C-alpha atoms as a PDB file:
ATOM      1  CA  MET A   1     -66.751  30.622  -6.164  1.00  0.00           C
ATOM      2  CA  VAL A   2     -70.480  29.982  -5.817  1.00  0.00           C
ATOM      3  CA  LEU A   3     -72.355  30.753  -2.598  1.00  0.00           C
ATOM      4  CA  GLY A   4     -75.978  29.865  -3.319  1.00  0.00           C
ATOM      5  CA  ARG A   5     -77.112  32.445  -5.859  1.00  0.00           C
ATOM      6  CA  VAL A   6     -74.055  34.601  -5.115  1.00  0.00           C
ATOM      7  CA  ARG A   7     -71.088  34.172  -7.442  1.00  0.00           C
ATOM      8  CA  LEU A   8     -67.547  35.566  -7.205  1.00  0.00           C
ATOM      9  CA  ALA A   9     -64.932  35.556  -9.953  1.00  0.00           C
ATOM     10  CA  ARG A  10     -61.285  36.645 -10.212  1.00  0.00           C
ATOM     11  CA  ILE A  11     -61.124  37.836  -6.579  1.00  0.00           C
ATOM     12  CA  ASP A  12     -58.001  36.389  -4.925  1.00  0.00           C
ATOM     13  CA  ASP A  13     -58.080  38.393  -1.683  1.00  0.00           C
ATOM     14  CA  MET A  14     -61.492  38.752  -0.055  1.00  0.00           C
ATOM     15  CA  ASP A  15     -60.134  41.325   2.407  1.00  0.00           C
ATOM     16  CA  ARG A  16     -58.411  43.629  -0.079  1.00  0.00           C
ATOM     17  CA  PRO A  17     -59.955  47.112   0.314  1.00  0.00           C
ATOM     18  CA  LEU A  18     -62.525  48.243  -2.228  1.00  0.00           C
ATOM     19  CA  HIS A  19     -63.304  51.930  -2.625  1.00  0.00           C
ATOM     20  CA  ARG A  20     -66.147  53.994  -4.012  1.00  0.00           C
ATOM     21  CA  ILE A  21     -66.728  57.748  -4.147  1.00  0.00           C
ATOM     22  CA  PHE A  22     -70.340  58.496  -3.226  1.00  0.00           C
ATOM     23  CA  PRO A  23     -71.946  61.918  -3.431  1.00  0.00           C
ATOM     24  CA  VAL A  24     -71.925  62.998   0.221  1.00  0.00           C
ATOM     25  CA  TRP A  25     -75.684  63.348   0.420  1.00  0.00           C
ATOM     26  CA  HIS A  26     -76.144  59.902  -1.190  1.00  0.00           C
ATOM     27  CA  PHE A  27     -73.948  58.345   1.456  1.00  0.00           C
ATOM     28  CA  GLU A  28     -75.693  60.171   4.283  1.00  0.00           C
ATOM     29  CA  ARG A  29     -78.982  58.853   2.922  1.00  0.00           C
ATOM     30  CA  ALA A  30     -77.555  55.303   2.766  1.00  0.00           C
ATOM     31  CA  CYS A  31     -76.535  55.526   6.427  1.00  0.00           C
ATOM     32  CA  ARG A  32     -79.760  57.158   7.558  1.00  0.00           C
ATOM     33  CA  LEU A  33     -82.069  54.737   5.726  1.00  0.00           C
ATOM     34  CA  ARG A  34     -79.638  51.808   6.033  1.00  0.00           C
ATOM     35  CA  GLN A  35     -79.980  51.057   2.338  1.00  0.00           C
ATOM     36  CA  LEU A  36     -77.604  50.456  -0.559  1.00  0.00           C
ATOM     37  CA  VAL A  37     -78.726  51.440  -4.051  1.00  0.00           C
ATOM     38  CA  LEU A  38     -77.994  49.569  -7.299  1.00  0.00           C
ATOM     39  CA  VAL A  39     -78.902  51.155 -10.635  1.00  0.00           C
ATOM     40  CA  LYS A  40     -79.540  49.953 -14.163  1.00  0.00           C
ATOM     41  CA  PRO A  41     -76.490  50.267 -16.473  1.00  0.00           C
ATOM     42  CA  ALA A  42     -78.623  52.382 -18.819  1.00  0.00           C
ATOM     43  CA  LEU A  43     -78.212  55.216 -16.290  1.00  0.00           C
ATOM     44  CA  TRP A  44     -74.408  55.212 -16.625  1.00  0.00           C
ATOM     45  CA  ILE A  45     -72.754  57.907 -18.735  1.00  0.00           C
ATOM     46  CA  ASP A  46     -70.557  55.714 -20.956  1.00  0.00           C
ATOM     47  CA  PRO A  47     -72.787  54.568 -23.875  1.00  0.00           C
ATOM     48  CA  ARG A  48     -70.748  51.361 -24.224  1.00  0.00           C
ATOM     49  CA  GLU A  49     -70.971  50.213 -20.593  1.00  0.00           C
ATOM     50  CA  ASP A  50     -73.504  47.575 -21.688  1.00  0.00           C
ATOM     51  CA  PRO A  51     -72.019  46.303 -24.984  1.00  0.00           C
ATOM     52  CA  CYS A  52     -74.631  43.642 -25.708  1.00  0.00           C
ATOM     53  CA  ALA A  53     -77.390  46.247 -25.589  1.00  0.00           C
ATOM     54  CA  MET A  54     -75.737  47.755 -28.697  1.00  0.00           C
ATOM     55  CA  PHE A  55     -75.426  44.476 -30.647  1.00  0.00           C
ATOM     56  CA  PHE A  56     -77.667  43.856 -33.655  1.00  0.00           C
ATOM     57  CA  LEU A  57     -78.259  40.353 -34.992  1.00  0.00           C
ATOM     58  CA  GLN A  58     -78.039  40.384 -38.777  1.00  0.00           C
ATOM     59  CA  PRO A  59     -78.587  37.314 -41.006  1.00  0.00           C
ATOM     60  CA  GLN A  60     -75.679  36.352 -43.259  1.00  0.00           C
ATOM     61  CA  SER A  61     -76.110  36.608 -46.992  1.00  0.00           C
ATOM     62  CA  GLY A  62     -77.563  33.390 -48.383  1.00  0.00           C
ATOM     63  CA  ALA A  63     -79.213  32.471 -45.095  1.00  0.00           C
ATOM     64  CA  GLN A  64     -82.936  32.081 -44.762  1.00  0.00           C
ATOM     65  CA  ARG A  65     -84.432  35.502 -45.315  1.00  0.00           C
ATOM     66  CA  ARG A  66     -85.466  37.041 -42.004  1.00  0.00           C
ATOM     67  CA  ALA A  67     -85.351  40.440 -40.360  1.00  0.00           C
ATOM     68  CA  GLY A  68     -82.493  41.394 -38.092  1.00  0.00           C
ATOM     69  CA  ARG A  69     -83.090  41.733 -34.377  1.00  0.00           C
ATOM     70  CA  GLN A  70     -81.606  43.873 -31.648  1.00  0.00           C
ATOM     71  CA  MET A  71     -79.709  41.939 -29.018  1.00  0.00           C
ATOM     72  CA  ALA A  72     -81.406  44.001 -26.293  1.00  0.00           C
ATOM     73  CA  ASP A  73     -84.496  41.787 -26.782  1.00  0.00           C
ATOM     74  CA  TYR A  74     -82.578  38.878 -25.252  1.00  0.00           C
ATOM     75  CA  LEU A  75     -81.026  40.619 -22.267  1.00  0.00           C
ATOM     76  CA  ALA A  76     -82.163  40.076 -18.708  1.00  0.00           C
ATOM     77  CA  ALA A  77     -82.702  43.097 -16.459  1.00  0.00           C
ATOM     78  CA  CYS A  78     -79.735  43.960 -14.286  1.00  0.00           C
ATOM     79  CA  TRP A  79     -78.734  46.453 -11.606  1.00  0.00           C
ATOM     80  CA  ALA A  80     -75.197  47.316 -10.556  1.00  0.00           C
ATOM     81  CA  GLN A  81     -72.904  49.263  -8.286  1.00  0.00           C
ATOM     82  CA  CYS A  82     -69.254  50.000  -9.086  1.00  0.00           C
ATOM     83  CA  TRP A  83     -66.303  49.809  -6.668  1.00  0.00           C
ATOM     84  CA  SER A  84     -62.567  50.111  -7.277  1.00  0.00           C
ATOM     85  CA  TYR A  85     -59.257  48.708  -6.061  1.00  0.00           C
ATOM     86  CA  GLU A  86     -57.744  52.164  -6.657  1.00  0.00           C
ATOM     87  CA  ALA A  87     -57.501  54.114  -3.395  1.00  0.00           C
ATOM     88  CA  ASP A  88     -55.528  57.259  -4.180  1.00  0.00           C
ATOM     89  CA  SER A  89     -56.410  58.322  -7.714  1.00  0.00           C
ATOM     90  CA  ASP A  90     -56.685  62.081  -8.132  1.00  0.00           C
ATOM     91  CA  VAL A  91     -58.327  61.404 -11.506  1.00  0.00           C
ATOM     92  CA  LEU A  92     -61.179  59.507  -9.833  1.00  0.00           C
ATOM     93  CA  LEU A  93     -61.416  62.093  -7.057  1.00  0.00           C
ATOM     94  CA  ARG A  94     -61.889  64.926  -9.527  1.00  0.00           C
ATOM     95  CA  ALA A  95     -64.280  62.849 -11.658  1.00  0.00           C
ATOM     96  CA  TYR A  96     -66.633  62.024  -8.796  1.00  0.00           C
ATOM     97  CA  SER A  97     -66.137  64.886  -6.333  1.00  0.00           C
ATOM     98  CA  ARG A  98     -66.244  68.585  -7.190  1.00  0.00           C
ATOM     99  CA  VAL A  99     -64.840  71.094  -4.716  1.00  0.00           C
ATOM    100  CA  VAL A 100     -64.509  74.779  -5.594  1.00  0.00           C
ATOM    101  CA  LEU A 101     -63.420  76.855  -2.602  1.00  0.00           C
ATOM    102  CA  ASP A 102     -64.727  80.379  -2.267  1.00  0.00           C
ATOM    103  CA  PRO A 103     -61.635  82.663  -2.328  1.00  0.00           C
ATOM    104  CA  LEU A 104     -62.881  84.725   0.631  1.00  0.00           C
ATOM    105  CA  ILE A 105     -64.357  82.247   3.129  1.00  0.00           C
ATOM    106  CA  GLU A 106     -62.821  79.047   1.655  1.00  0.00           C
ATOM    107  CA  ARG A 107     -66.101  77.140   1.885  1.00  0.00           C
ATOM    108  CA  ASN A 108     -66.977  74.695  -0.918  1.00  0.00           C
ATOM    109  CA  THR A 109     -69.350  76.429  -3.324  1.00  0.00           C
ATOM    110  CA  THR A 110     -70.505  73.135  -4.927  1.00  0.00           C
ATOM    111  CA  PRO A 111     -71.577  70.922  -1.970  1.00  0.00           C
ATOM    112  CA  ALA A 112     -74.214  69.110  -4.047  1.00  0.00           C
ATOM    113  CA  GLU A 113     -71.398  67.700  -6.230  1.00  0.00           C
ATOM    114  CA  GLU A 114     -69.018  66.866  -3.410  1.00  0.00           C
ATOM    115  CA  GLY A 115     -67.989  63.250  -2.870  1.00  0.00           C
ATOM    116  CA  ILE A 116     -66.857  61.046  -0.003  1.00  0.00           C
ATOM    117  CA  ARG A 117     -64.562  58.038  -0.438  1.00  0.00           C
ATOM    118  CA  VAL A 118     -66.005  54.924   1.207  1.00  0.00           C
ATOM    119  CA  THR A 119     -64.108  51.680   1.814  1.00  0.00           C
ATOM    120  CA  THR A 120     -65.275  48.086   2.198  1.00  0.00           C
ATOM    121  CA  THR A 121     -64.053  44.609   1.173  1.00  0.00           C
ATOM    122  CA  ALA A 122     -65.354  41.828  -1.048  1.00  0.00           C
ATOM    123  CA  ARG A 123     -65.993  39.732   2.042  1.00  0.00           C
ATOM    124  CA  ARG A 124     -68.215  42.396   3.607  1.00  0.00           C
ATOM    125  CA  LEU A 125     -70.117  42.997   0.379  1.00  0.00           C
ATOM    126  CA  ILE A 126     -70.732  39.286  -0.069  1.00  0.00           C
ATOM    127  CA  GLU A 127     -71.962  38.877   3.501  1.00  0.00           C
ATOM    128  CA  THR A 128     -74.472  41.641   2.817  1.00  0.00           C
ATOM    129  CA  VAL A 129     -75.422  40.220  -0.590  1.00  0.00           C
ATOM    130  CA  ARG A 130     -76.094  36.768   0.843  1.00  0.00           C
ATOM    131  CA  ALA A 131     -78.686  38.292   3.162  1.00  0.00           C
ATOM    132  CA  TRP A 132     -80.308  39.990   0.163  1.00  0.00           C
ATOM    133  CA  ALA A 133     -80.294  36.755  -1.858  1.00  0.00           C
ATOM    134  CA  GLU A 134     -82.184  34.890   0.841  1.00  0.00           C
ATOM    135  CA  GLN A 135     -85.030  37.397   0.467  1.00  0.00           C
ATOM    136  CA  ASN A 136     -84.994  37.639  -3.354  1.00  0.00           C
ATOM    137  CA  ALA A 137     -85.559  34.199  -4.837  1.00  0.00           C
ATOM    138  CA  THR A 138     -85.703  35.494  -8.420  1.00  0.00           C
ATOM    139  CA  SER A 139     -82.411  37.418  -8.305  1.00  0.00           C
ATOM    140  CA  HIS A 140     -78.808  36.302  -8.741  1.00  0.00           C
ATOM    141  CA  PHE A 141     -75.821  38.276  -7.456  1.00  0.00           C
ATOM    142  CA  TYR A 142     -72.284  38.604  -8.818  1.00  0.00           C
ATOM    143  CA  LEU A 143     -69.069  40.307  -7.731  1.00  0.00           C
ATOM    144  CA  ALA A 144     -66.012  40.427  -9.982  1.00  0.00           C
ATOM    145  CA  PRO A 145     -63.377  42.802 -11.387  1.00  0.00           C
ATOM    146  CA  VAL A 146     -63.952  44.235 -14.846  1.00  0.00           C
ATOM    147  CA  ILE A 147     -61.843  42.840 -17.708  1.00  0.00           C
ATOM    148  CA  TYR A 148     -60.391  45.617 -19.873  1.00  0.00           C
ATOM    149  CA  GLY A 149     -59.599  45.347 -23.554  1.00  0.00           C
ATOM    150  CA  PRO A 150     -58.627  47.395 -26.630  1.00  0.00           C
ATOM    151  CA  GLU A 151     -61.187  49.849 -27.969  1.00  0.00           C
ATOM    152  CA  ASP A 152     -62.009  47.765 -31.030  1.00  0.00           C
ATOM    153  CA  GLN A 153     -61.841  44.331 -29.363  1.00  0.00           C
ATOM    154  CA  PHE A 154     -63.007  44.625 -25.752  1.00  0.00           C
ATOM    155  CA  ASP A 155     -66.409  43.095 -26.614  1.00  0.00           C
ATOM    156  CA  GLN A 156     -65.043  40.159 -28.644  1.00  0.00           C
ATOM    157  CA  PRO A 157     -65.294  37.655 -25.763  1.00  0.00           C
ATOM    158  CA  LEU A 158     -69.029  38.368 -25.789  1.00  0.00           C
ATOM    159  CA  VAL A 159     -69.277  37.917 -29.554  1.00  0.00           C
ATOM    160  CA  ALA A 160     -67.578  34.523 -29.142  1.00  0.00           C
ATOM    161  CA  GLN A 161     -70.414  33.402 -26.866  1.00  0.00           C
ATOM    162  CA  PHE A 162     -72.846  33.445 -29.793  1.00  0.00           C
ATOM    163  CA  SER A 163     -71.354  30.126 -30.938  1.00  0.00           C
ATOM    164  CA  ARG A 164     -72.833  28.422 -27.872  1.00  0.00           C
ATOM    165  CA  PRO A 165     -75.726  25.984 -28.566  1.00  0.00           C
ATOM    166  CA  GLU A 166     -78.215  28.391 -26.993  1.00  0.00           C
ATOM    167  CA  GLY A 167     -76.909  31.289 -29.097  1.00  0.00           C
ATOM    168  CA  PRO A 168     -78.060  34.745 -27.997  1.00  0.00           C
ATOM    169  CA  ARG A 169     -80.359  33.213 -25.401  1.00  0.00           C
ATOM    170  CA  PHE A 170     -77.246  32.682 -23.273  1.00  0.00           C
ATOM    171  CA  PHE A 171     -77.462  36.362 -22.370  1.00  0.00           C
ATOM    172  CA  SER A 172     -80.978  35.840 -21.042  1.00  0.00           C
ATOM    173  CA  THR A 173     -79.503  33.621 -18.306  1.00  0.00           C
ATOM    174  CA  PRO A 174     -78.111  35.118 -15.087  1.00  0.00           C
ATOM    175  CA  ASP A 175     -74.535  33.949 -15.822  1.00  0.00           C
ATOM    176  CA  GLY A 176     -74.630  35.206 -19.397  1.00  0.00           C
ATOM    177  CA  ARG A 177     -76.063  38.557 -18.434  1.00  0.00           C
ATOM    178  CA  ALA A 178     -73.411  38.975 -15.744  1.00  0.00           C
ATOM    179  CA  ASP A 179     -70.633  38.120 -18.221  1.00  0.00           C
ATOM    180  CA  SER A 180     -71.909  40.833 -20.550  1.00  0.00           C
ATOM    181  CA  LEU A 181     -71.275  43.523 -17.912  1.00  0.00           C
ATOM    182  CA  PHE A 182     -67.748  42.567 -16.858  1.00  0.00           C
ATOM    183  CA  VAL A 183     -65.937  43.912 -19.944  1.00  0.00           C
ATOM    184  CA  LYS A 184     -64.863  47.486 -20.564  1.00  0.00           C
ATOM    185  CA  ARG A 185     -62.564  49.565 -22.754  1.00  0.00           C
ATOM    186  CA  ASP A 186     -58.878  50.096 -21.877  1.00  0.00           C
ATOM    187  CA  ARG A 187     -59.385  53.850 -21.654  1.00  0.00           C
ATOM    188  CA  PHE A 188     -61.095  53.215 -18.303  1.00  0.00           C
ATOM    189  CA  GLY A 189     -58.427  50.824 -17.031  1.00  0.00           C
ATOM    190  CA  HIS A 190     -57.180  53.297 -14.428  1.00  0.00           C
ATOM    191  CA  GLU A 191     -60.442  52.768 -12.520  1.00  0.00           C
ATOM    192  CA  GLN A 192     -59.527  49.146 -11.559  1.00  0.00           C
ATOM    193  CA  GLU A 193     -63.261  48.586 -11.330  1.00  0.00           C
ATOM    194  CA  VAL A 194     -65.028  45.824  -9.420  1.00  0.00           C
ATOM    195  CA  ARG A 195     -68.759  45.455 -10.057  1.00  0.00           C
ATOM    196  CA  LEU A 196     -71.549  44.206  -7.864  1.00  0.00           C
ATOM    197  CA  LEU A 197     -74.464  42.962  -9.990  1.00  0.00           C
ATOM    198  CA  CYS A 198     -77.991  41.842  -9.337  1.00  0.00           C
ATOM    199  CA  VAL A 199     -79.535  39.978 -12.309  1.00  0.00           C
ATOM    200  CA  GLY A 200     -83.295  39.544 -12.279  1.00  0.00           C
ATOM    201  CA  ASP A 201     -85.688  37.300 -14.166  1.00  0.00           C
ATOM    202  CA  ALA A 202     -87.358  40.106 -16.150  1.00  0.00           C
ATOM    203  CA  ARG A 203     -86.434  41.494 -19.563  1.00  0.00           C
ATOM    204  CA  LEU A 204     -84.194  44.484 -20.140  1.00  0.00           C
ATOM    205  CA  GLY A 205     -86.265  47.623 -19.744  1.00  0.00           C
ATOM    206  CA  GLU A 206     -88.616  46.068 -17.223  1.00  0.00           C
ATOM    207  CA  GLY A 207     -88.550  46.826 -13.531  1.00  0.00           C
ATOM    208  CA  PRO A 208     -87.496  50.013 -11.691  1.00  0.00           C
ATOM    209  CA  ASN A 209     -84.360  51.982 -12.532  1.00  0.00           C
ATOM    210  CA  ILE A 210     -82.997  51.442  -9.017  1.00  0.00           C
ATOM    211  CA  LEU A 211     -83.071  48.673  -6.428  1.00  0.00           C
ATOM    212  CA  THR A 212     -82.502  49.257  -2.729  1.00  0.00           C
ATOM    213  CA  PHE A 213     -81.312  46.638  -0.268  1.00  0.00           C
ATOM    214  CA  PRO A 214     -81.012  46.751   3.524  1.00  0.00           C
ATOM    215  CA  ILE A 215     -77.541  47.143   5.046  1.00  0.00           C
ATOM    216  CA  ASP A 216     -75.832  47.790   8.344  1.00  0.00           C
ATOM    217  CA  PRO A 217     -73.509  50.652   7.293  1.00  0.00           C
ATOM    218  CA  ASN A 218     -71.283  50.167  10.339  1.00  0.00           C
ATOM    219  CA  SER A 219     -70.637  46.545   9.364  1.00  0.00           C
ATOM    220  CA  LEU A 220     -70.430  47.003   5.600  1.00  0.00           C
ATOM    221  CA  PHE A 221     -68.099  50.028   5.480  1.00  0.00           C
ATOM    222  CA  THR A 222     -64.649  49.940   7.094  1.00  0.00           C
ATOM    223  CA  GLU A 223     -63.842  53.654   6.821  1.00  0.00           C
ATOM    224  CA  VAL A 224     -64.678  56.872   4.996  1.00  0.00           C
ATOM    225  CA  ALA A 225     -62.654  59.935   4.003  1.00  0.00           C
ATOM    226  CA  PHE A 226     -63.995  63.337   3.021  1.00  0.00           C
ATOM    227  CA  ASP A 227     -62.603  65.226   0.034  1.00  0.00           C
ATOM    228  CA  PRO A 228     -59.064  66.318   1.030  1.00  0.00           C
ATOM    229  CA  ARG A 229     -59.530  69.734  -0.583  1.00  0.00           C
ATOM    230  CA  LEU A 230     -61.979  70.786   2.127  1.00  0.00           C
ATOM    231  CA  ILE A 231     -60.515  72.926   4.905  1.00  0.00           C
ATOM    232  CA  ALA A 232     -60.675  71.744   8.524  1.00  0.00           C
ATOM    233  CA  PHE A 233     -63.827  73.535   9.690  1.00  0.00           C
ATOM    234  CA  GLU A 234     -65.867  72.206   6.770  1.00  0.00           C
ATOM    235  CA  ARG A 235     -64.614  68.642   7.262  1.00  0.00           C
ATOM    236  CA  SER A 236     -65.731  68.921  10.884  1.00  0.00           C
ATOM    237  CA  GLU A 237     -69.195  69.962   9.731  1.00  0.00           C
ATOM    238  CA  ARG A 238     -69.374  66.966   7.377  1.00  0.00           C
ATOM    239  CA  GLU A 239     -68.287  64.594  10.134  1.00  0.00           C
ATOM    240  CA  GLU A 240     -70.902  65.914  12.541  1.00  0.00           C
ATOM    241  CA  SER A 241     -73.612  65.562   9.894  1.00  0.00           C
ATOM    242  CA  LEU A 242     -72.565  61.991   9.041  1.00  0.00           C
ATOM    243  CA  ARG A 243     -72.513  60.963  12.695  1.00  0.00           C
ATOM    244  CA  LYS A 244     -76.077  62.219  13.049  1.00  0.00           C
ATOM    245  CA  CYS A 245     -77.042  59.872  10.187  1.00  0.00           C
ATOM    246  CA  GLY A 246     -75.937  56.893  12.279  1.00  0.00           C
ATOM    247  CA  TYR A 247     -72.425  56.205  10.982  1.00  0.00           C
ATOM    248  CA  THR A 248     -70.155  55.244  13.906  1.00  0.00           C
ATOM    249  CA  GLY A 249     -67.193  53.851  11.961  1.00  0.00           C
ATOM    250  CA  THR A 250     -63.759  55.235  11.173  1.00  0.00           C
ATOM    251  CA  ILE A 251     -63.449  58.625   9.514  1.00  0.00           C
ATOM    252  CA  ARG A 252     -59.920  58.924   8.182  1.00  0.00           C
ATOM    253  CA  GLU A 253     -58.327  62.271   7.451  1.00  0.00           C
ATOM    254  CA  ASP A 254     -56.957  62.351   3.904  1.00  0.00           C
ATOM    255  CA  ILE A 255     -53.826  64.514   3.999  1.00  0.00           C
ATOM    256  CA  SER A 256     -53.037  64.318   0.292  1.00  0.00           C
ATOM    257  CA  TYR A 257     -53.772  68.049  -0.144  1.00  0.00           C
ATOM    258  CA  VAL A 258     -52.054  69.246   3.049  1.00  0.00           C
ATOM    259  CA  LYS A 259     -49.147  71.622   2.487  1.00  0.00           C
ATOM    260  CA  VAL A 260     -45.829  70.080   3.554  1.00  0.00           C
ATOM    261  CA  LEU A 261     -42.778  72.113   4.597  1.00  0.00           C
ATOM    262  CA  THR A 262     -39.615  70.278   3.541  1.00  0.00           C
ATOM    263  CA  ALA A 263     -36.365  71.002   5.435  1.00  0.00           C
ATOM    264  CA  ILE A 264     -33.229  70.738   3.232  1.00  0.00           C
ATOM    265  CA  PRO A 265     -29.969  70.069   5.175  1.00  0.00           C
ATOM    266  CA  MET A 266     -27.149  72.293   3.779  1.00  0.00           C
ATOM    267  CA  LYS A 267     -23.475  71.304   4.155  1.00  0.00           C
ATOM    268  CA  SER A 268     -22.260  74.890   3.865  1.00  0.00           C
ATOM    269  CA  GLU A 269     -23.461  78.473   4.086  1.00  0.00           C
ATOM    270  CA  TRP A 270     -25.699  79.731   1.313  1.00  0.00           C
ATOM    271  CA  PRO A 271     -26.060  83.184  -0.235  1.00  0.00           C
ATOM    272  CA  SER A 272     -29.024  85.455   0.474  1.00  0.00           C
ATOM    273  CA  PRO A 273     -31.576  86.027  -2.309  1.00  0.00           C
ATOM    274  CA  ALA A 274     -30.292  88.506  -4.892  1.00  0.00           C
ATOM    275  CA  TRP A 275     -33.028  91.052  -4.154  1.00  0.00           C
ATOM    276  CA  ASP A 276     -31.826  91.279  -0.536  1.00  0.00           C
ATOM    277  CA  ASP A 277     -28.707  92.991  -1.930  1.00  0.00           C
ATOM    278  CA  VAL A 278     -30.839  95.471  -3.853  1.00  0.00           C
ATOM    279  CA  GLU A 279     -32.968  96.300  -0.805  1.00  0.00           C
ATOM    280  CA  SER A 280     -29.865  96.899   1.369  1.00  0.00           C
ATOM    281  CA  ASP A 281     -28.249  99.256  -1.178  1.00  0.00           C
ATOM    282  CA  PRO A 282     -29.284 102.890  -0.324  1.00  0.00           C
ATOM    283  CA  SER A 283     -28.615 104.037  -3.863  1.00  0.00           C
ATOM    284  CA  SER A 284     -31.259 101.655  -5.186  1.00  0.00           C
ATOM    285  CA  ALA A 285     -34.031 103.546  -3.373  1.00  0.00           C
ATOM    286  CA  SER A 286     -33.422 106.795  -5.305  1.00  0.00           C
ATOM    287  CA  SER A 287     -32.980 105.205  -8.672  1.00  0.00           C
END
């Protein structure tokens, strides 16, 4: 689907929830300043997040003698933000939110590393992106799920693009550059990642490391949930702080770490624990 300079791919349900775990203070800043931040892929931890940046063009034997060239020279600058279809992954929670409760007062001792799960939809992101696109004539925007592949083959669809008439210059175009950032290794498949991209008209390495765009947080985000490992009084503090930053939307309580007492119906009487017999035996006290 193409909406001006905004393109969507492989998204069947525009209203399916998308989730992202922000550092709490990042999200408070986004609400306070009414800005969303996209970053260059070079800032991501995985060194293979941008496969084409690691390609090297090497002449075949027998071809006209010329020096090889790094593929990075052809790549357009790009900024991105990652979302996910996965709502309840403890793996993602622990990867992007760190909570270590003090054993005495039970307060989180690592608040700077604490995360908050934020929810939106493709439709809401696209509505926001279209407003950005109208003000950024040199940028193109994309939203699509990542395509996962085997460790040794995930980048092969990109290699196949070199047979195009324009060769490596394809990845200098907005569509080519976007394609290069929608593949990832199977080991990250549990993330069910959906990426929002902004492709510019400059070369890779040019431009700032981050781009900020205006948003209305109360229209873009449908709900938030604080880390479920926090105890009640600290969640209340976080909610009060977020409200002061201008967020008026839904704050959902995540009960995934709440203790649950399970009642087991018994059809007959049951014996007492064995140590009850020992405690009721007077002779056991003197032994």
